Amino acid sequence: MVGLDFGTALSVLNSIAHACRTGAAVAHPQTLATLLGHPQVFLQLRPVDPTWHTTSLFNVAREYFGSVPQAVQVVMADKEGRFPWDAGHSLGVRQPSLWEPYPGGWPDENTQ
């Protein structure tokens, strides 16, 4: 969760996990603000492109599960509700675009 302080990011991620555990329809891309009770934070879940699975971002998943399960990225909009793929997006920090194919060159790149 790029762009949020630790406490807010933890709350948002825990809310998403709780929604999933209770059977809420958390389809992606879906705006989650109302569902999660965080009306000031506009979010969407985007599927992570499988080309990212060989990077160091997913080392823990490979270590514990032997492979990378289907992953989604929680993407945050700016204060005007614009997402990184929208014109005029201005969050102030750059979120990695894991929904796009991996361009190469990630720090500490790891291959399976």
Protein backbone atom coordinates (compact mmCIF):
# COMPACT_ATOMS: atom_id res chain seq x y z
CA MET A 1 0.00 0.00 0.00
CA VAL A 2 2.05 2.86 -1.35
CA GLY A 3 0.97 6.31 -0.21
CA LEU A 4 -0.73 5.48 3.10
CA ASP A 5 0.68 5.65 6.60
CA PHE A 6 1.27 2.28 8.25
CA GLY A 7 -1.79 2.37 10.53
CA THR A 8 -4.22 3.23 7.72
CA ALA A 9 -2.65 0.68 5.36
CA LEU A 10 -2.91 -2.01 8.04
CA SER A 11 -6.55 -1.14 8.68
CA VAL A 12 -7.40 -1.21 4.97
CA LEU A 13 -5.64 -4.55 4.37
CA ASN A 14 -7.28 -6.10 7.44
CA SER A 15 -10.68 -4.86 6.22
CA ILE A 16 -10.11 -6.43 2.81
CA ALA A 17 -9.06 -9.72 4.42
CA HIS A 18 -12.12 -9.67 6.69
CA ALA A 19 -14.42 -8.99 3.72
CA CYS A 20 -12.90 -11.93 1.86
CA ARG A 21 -13.22 -14.26 4.87
CA THR A 22 -16.88 -13.35 5.34
CA GLY A 23 -17.71 -14.03 1.72
CA ALA A 24 -18.13 -10.45 0.52
CA ALA A 25 -17.93 -10.09 -3.25
CA VAL A 26 -14.51 -8.48 -3.58
CA ALA A 27 -14.22 -8.60 -7.37
CA HIS A 28 -11.54 -6.68 -9.14
CA PRO A 29 -11.40 -4.01 -10.29
CA GLN A 30 -13.89 -2.85 -7.68
CA THR A 31 -13.98 0.38 -5.75
CA LEU A 32 -13.75 -0.65 -2.11
CA ALA A 33 -14.21 2.55 -0.12
CA THR A 34 -17.84 1.95 0.87
CA LEU A 35 -17.42 -1.77 1.46
CA LEU A 36 -14.46 -1.25 3.77
CA GLY A 37 -15.72 1.78 5.68
CA HIS A 38 -12.82 3.97 4.56
CA PRO A 39 -14.72 6.63 2.57
CA GLN A 40 -11.68 8.93 2.42
CA VAL A 41 -9.55 6.27 0.68
CA PHE A 42 -10.52 5.24 -2.84
CA LEU A 43 -9.15 1.82 -3.74
CA GLN A 44 -9.36 -0.79 -6.44
CA LEU A 45 -8.08 -4.33 -6.53
CA ARG A 46 -6.21 -5.15 -9.73
CA PRO A 47 -4.93 -8.61 -10.67
CA VAL A 48 -1.14 -8.83 -10.58
CA ASP A 49 0.30 -9.75 -13.97
CA PRO A 50 1.96 -13.20 -13.63
CA THR A 51 5.21 -11.84 -15.10
CA TRP A 52 5.84 -10.23 -11.67
CA HIS A 53 5.76 -13.61 -9.89
CA THR A 54 9.48 -14.23 -10.52
CA THR A 55 10.56 -10.98 -8.82
CA SER A 56 11.74 -10.63 -5.25
CA LEU A 57 8.35 -9.14 -4.34
CA PHE A 58 6.98 -12.69 -4.25
CA ASN A 59 9.89 -14.53 -2.54
CA VAL A 60 7.87 -15.20 0.61
CA ALA A 61 4.94 -16.66 -1.35
CA ARG A 62 7.28 -18.98 -3.25
CA GLU A 63 9.04 -19.99 -0.02
CA TYR A 64 5.84 -20.88 1.87
CA PHE A 65 3.54 -22.06 -0.92
CA GLY A 66 6.01 -23.36 -3.50
CA SER A 67 4.50 -21.03 -6.09
CA VAL A 68 2.72 -17.70 -6.22
CA PRO A 69 -1.05 -17.92 -5.72
CA GLN A 70 -3.31 -15.57 -7.64
CA ALA A 71 -2.38 -12.13 -6.36
CA VAL A 72 -4.07 -8.76 -6.46
CA GLN A 73 -2.68 -5.30 -5.90
CA VAL A 74 -4.53 -2.76 -3.79
CA VAL A 75 -4.26 0.46 -5.81
CA MET A 76 -5.02 3.82 -4.25
CA ALA A 77 -6.52 6.85 -5.98
CA ASP A 78 -5.52 10.45 -5.37
CA LYS A 79 -7.73 12.86 -3.38
CA GLU A 80 -9.88 13.52 -6.45
CA GLY A 81 -10.56 9.78 -6.91
CA ARG A 82 -8.25 9.39 -9.94
CA PHE A 83 -6.27 6.16 -10.24
CA PRO A 84 -2.75 5.86 -11.73
CA TRP A 85 -4.21 4.89 -15.13
CA ASP A 86 -6.45 8.00 -15.16
CA ALA A 87 -5.38 11.30 -16.71
CA GLY A 88 -4.32 13.85 -14.11
CA HIS A 89 -3.56 11.33 -11.32
CA SER A 90 -1.53 13.12 -8.65
CA LEU A 91 -1.08 10.95 -5.56
CA GLY A 92 2.43 12.30 -5.02
CA VAL A 93 4.07 8.87 -4.78
CA ARG A 94 4.55 6.36 -7.57
CA GLN A 95 2.80 3.05 -7.04
CA PRO A 96 4.29 0.04 -8.81
CA SER A 97 2.09 -0.99 -11.74
CA LEU A 98 1.84 -4.70 -10.94
CA TRP A 99 -1.25 -5.04 -13.14
CA GLU A 100 0.97 -4.38 -16.18
CA PRO A 101 3.58 -6.85 -17.51
CA TYR A 102 6.89 -6.77 -15.63
CA PRO A 103 9.31 -4.42 -17.43
CA GLY A 104 12.47 -5.91 -15.89
CA GLY A 105 15.05 -4.31 -13.68
CA TRP A 106 13.34 -4.63 -10.30
CA PRO A 107 15.89 -4.21 -7.45
CA ASP A 108 17.21 -7.56 -6.17
CA GLU A 109 15.57 -9.29 -9.11
CA ASN A 110 15.09 -13.01 -8.49
CA THR A 111 14.12 -15.74 -10.90
CA GLN A 112 12.67 -19.15 -10.13
